[in-house]
Amino acid sequence: DVYKRQIPGVVKIGRSSNPENRKRSLQASQNFRMHLLAAFPGAGHMEPRVHNMLAYCRVLDVPGREWFECSTQTAFAAIGTALAEEKTEYTKWRLPGRTI
């Protein structure tokens, strides 16, 4: 799941069985709004690979290792690369409220 903080250029890349509930839970304890940008059902196992690709832009001054200071395009490029490395044609990713 890819989330964007209200702070420009910061995204959270994590996995959850219920992204909307996870977003609400995270947002409740923070002073910023989050927006769910996309979910990739069944692709949570790729999270460590994507995190490794984006390690150079990891935000170090927040709890957790899932926050990255990068554009959404950079985040989606890393996800696309992980999918390509797995040689998976992934067609079930979805935006909030609809499947693509």
C-alpha atoms as a PDB file:
ATOM      1  CA  ASP A   1       0.000   0.000   0.000  1.00  0.00           C
ATOM      2  CA  VAL A   2       1.314   3.427  -0.832  1.00  0.00           C
ATOM      3  CA  TYR A   3       0.386   6.387   1.326  1.00  0.00           C
ATOM      4  CA  LYS A   4       1.240  10.048   0.989  1.00  0.00           C
ATOM      5  CA  ARG A   5       1.731  12.320   3.967  1.00  0.00           C
ATOM      6  CA  GLN A   6       0.452  15.868   3.893  1.00  0.00           C
ATOM      7  CA  ILE A   7       4.114  16.844   3.924  1.00  0.00           C
ATOM      8  CA  PRO A   8       5.040  17.136   0.229  1.00  0.00           C
ATOM      9  CA  GLY A   9       7.402  14.496  -1.063  1.00  0.00           C
ATOM     10  CA  VAL A  10       6.977  11.962   1.753  1.00  0.00           C
ATOM     11  CA  VAL A  11       5.321   8.601   1.135  1.00  0.00           C
ATOM     12  CA  LYS A  12       4.756   5.512   3.263  1.00  0.00           C
ATOM     13  CA  ILE A  13       5.094   2.141   1.617  1.00  0.00           C
ATOM     14  CA  GLY A  14       3.766  -0.708   3.698  1.00  0.00           C
ATOM     15  CA  ARG A  15       1.428  -3.637   3.681  1.00  0.00           C
ATOM     16  CA  SER A  16      -1.883  -4.204   5.355  1.00  0.00           C
ATOM     17  CA  SER A  17      -4.818  -6.545   5.034  1.00  0.00           C
ATOM     18  CA  ASN A  18      -7.086  -3.492   5.317  1.00  0.00           C
ATOM     19  CA  PRO A  19      -5.395  -0.348   3.931  1.00  0.00           C
ATOM     20  CA  GLU A  20      -8.236   2.036   4.811  1.00  0.00           C
ATOM     21  CA  ASN A  21      -8.269   0.925   8.463  1.00  0.00           C
ATOM     22  CA  ARG A  22      -4.471   1.138   8.573  1.00  0.00           C
ATOM     23  CA  LYS A  23      -4.598   4.674   7.186  1.00  0.00           C
ATOM     24  CA  ARG A  24      -7.122   5.740   9.819  1.00  0.00           C
ATOM     25  CA  SER A  25      -5.064   4.130  12.572  1.00  0.00           C
ATOM     26  CA  LEU A  26      -1.862   5.863  11.486  1.00  0.00           C
ATOM     27  CA  GLN A  27      -3.571   9.183  10.967  1.00  0.00           C
ATOM     28  CA  ALA A  28      -5.213   9.116  14.403  1.00  0.00           C
ATOM     29  CA  SER A  29      -1.853   9.308  16.155  1.00  0.00           C
ATOM     30  CA  GLN A  30      -0.279  11.898  13.833  1.00  0.00           C
ATOM     31  CA  ASN A  31      -0.726  15.575  13.113  1.00  0.00           C
ATOM     32  CA  PHE A  32      -1.035  15.166   9.362  1.00  0.00           C
ATOM     33  CA  ARG A  33      -3.502  13.821   6.842  1.00  0.00           C
ATOM     34  CA  MET A  34      -2.750  10.751   4.801  1.00  0.00           C
ATOM     35  CA  HIS A  35      -4.092   9.768   1.408  1.00  0.00           C
ATOM     36  CA  LEU A  36      -4.143   6.210   0.134  1.00  0.00           C
ATOM     37  CA  LEU A  37      -2.671   6.402  -3.355  1.00  0.00           C
ATOM     38  CA  ALA A  38      -2.820   2.751  -4.396  1.00  0.00           C
ATOM     39  CA  ALA A  39      -3.056  -0.787  -3.089  1.00  0.00           C
ATOM     40  CA  PHE A  40      -1.545  -3.902  -4.636  1.00  0.00           C
ATOM     41  CA  PRO A  41      -3.553  -6.879  -3.306  1.00  0.00           C
ATOM     42  CA  GLY A  42      -1.466 -10.003  -2.925  1.00  0.00           C
ATOM     43  CA  ALA A  43       1.856  -8.209  -3.442  1.00  0.00           C
ATOM     44  CA  GLY A  44       2.777  -7.518   0.184  1.00  0.00           C
ATOM     45  CA  HIS A  45       5.675  -9.959   0.008  1.00  0.00           C
ATOM     46  CA  MET A  46       7.488  -7.450  -2.210  1.00  0.00           C
ATOM     47  CA  GLU A  47       7.572  -4.776   0.489  1.00  0.00           C
ATOM     48  CA  PRO A  48      11.170  -5.516   1.648  1.00  0.00           C
ATOM     49  CA  ARG A  49      12.424  -5.396  -1.957  1.00  0.00           C
ATOM     50  CA  VAL A  50      10.781  -2.016  -2.569  1.00  0.00           C
ATOM     51  CA  HIS A  51      12.098  -0.688   0.761  1.00  0.00           C
ATOM     52  CA  ASN A  52      15.627  -1.753  -0.228  1.00  0.00           C
ATOM     53  CA  MET A  53      15.319   0.049  -3.564  1.00  0.00           C
ATOM     54  CA  LEU A  54      14.264   3.230  -1.791  1.00  0.00           C
ATOM     55  CA  ALA A  55      16.673   2.956   1.172  1.00  0.00           C
ATOM     56  CA  TYR A  56      18.619   5.977  -0.068  1.00  0.00           C
ATOM     57  CA  CYS A  57      15.603   8.232   0.586  1.00  0.00           C
ATOM     58  CA  ARG A  58      14.318   6.671   3.824  1.00  0.00           C
ATOM     59  CA  VAL A  59      13.143   9.240   6.386  1.00  0.00           C
ATOM     60  CA  LEU A  60      15.227   8.585   9.480  1.00  0.00           C
ATOM     61  CA  ASP A  61      13.650  10.998  11.954  1.00  0.00           C
ATOM     62  CA  VAL A  62      10.293   9.189  12.285  1.00  0.00           C
ATOM     63  CA  PRO A  63       9.394   5.879  13.921  1.00  0.00           C
ATOM     64  CA  GLY A  64       9.304   2.956  11.531  1.00  0.00           C
ATOM     65  CA  ARG A  65      11.189   2.211   8.348  1.00  0.00           C
ATOM     66  CA  GLU A  66       8.331   2.671   5.868  1.00  0.00           C
ATOM     67  CA  TRP A  67       8.558   6.437   5.267  1.00  0.00           C
ATOM     68  CA  PHE A  68      10.436   7.718   2.227  1.00  0.00           C
ATOM     69  CA  GLU A  69      11.181  11.222   1.031  1.00  0.00           C
ATOM     70  CA  CYS A  70      10.611  10.770  -2.674  1.00  0.00           C
ATOM     71  CA  SER A  71       8.049  11.566  -5.312  1.00  0.00           C
ATOM     72  CA  THR A  72       5.102   9.292  -5.892  1.00  0.00           C
ATOM     73  CA  GLN A  73       6.585   8.632  -9.341  1.00  0.00           C
ATOM     74  CA  THR A  74       9.787   7.336  -7.718  1.00  0.00           C
ATOM     75  CA  ALA A  75       7.773   5.137  -5.343  1.00  0.00           C
ATOM     76  CA  PHE A  76       5.693   3.693  -8.176  1.00  0.00           C
ATOM     77  CA  ALA A  77       8.841   3.161 -10.279  1.00  0.00           C
ATOM     78  CA  ALA A  78      10.362   1.063  -7.467  1.00  0.00           C
ATOM     79  CA  ILE A  79       7.156  -0.951  -7.192  1.00  0.00           C
ATOM     80  CA  GLY A  80       7.119  -1.445 -10.970  1.00  0.00           C
ATOM     81  CA  THR A  81      10.732  -2.601 -10.904  1.00  0.00           C
ATOM     82  CA  ALA A  82       9.978  -5.094  -8.123  1.00  0.00           C
ATOM     83  CA  LEU A  83       7.059  -6.439 -10.137  1.00  0.00           C
ATOM     84  CA  ALA A  84       9.204  -6.701 -13.259  1.00  0.00           C
ATOM     85  CA  GLU A  85      11.961  -8.513 -11.361  1.00  0.00           C
ATOM     86  CA  GLU A  86       9.356 -10.992 -10.207  1.00  0.00           C
ATOM     87  CA  LYS A  87       8.312 -11.278 -13.849  1.00  0.00           C
ATOM     88  CA  THR A  88       4.732 -10.651 -12.850  1.00  0.00           C
ATOM     89  CA  GLU A  89       2.280  -8.821 -15.035  1.00  0.00           C
ATOM     90  CA  TYR A  90       0.364  -7.270 -12.193  1.00  0.00           C
ATOM     91  CA  THR A  91      -3.038  -6.051 -13.305  1.00  0.00           C
ATOM     92  CA  LYS A  92      -5.004  -5.951 -10.057  1.00  0.00           C
ATOM     93  CA  TRP A  93      -3.642  -2.843  -8.382  1.00  0.00           C
ATOM     94  CA  ARG A  94      -6.305  -0.424  -7.320  1.00  0.00           C
ATOM     95  CA  LEU A  95      -6.897   3.137  -6.372  1.00  0.00           C
ATOM     96  CA  PRO A  96      -9.199   3.888  -3.462  1.00  0.00           C
ATOM     97  CA  GLY A  97     -12.733   2.970  -4.419  1.00  0.00           C
ATOM     98  CA  ARG A  98     -11.949   1.158  -7.668  1.00  0.00           C
ATOM     99  CA  THR A  99      -9.859  -1.581  -9.199  1.00  0.00           C
ATOM    100  CA  ILE A 100      -7.660  -0.769 -12.164  1.00  0.00           C
END
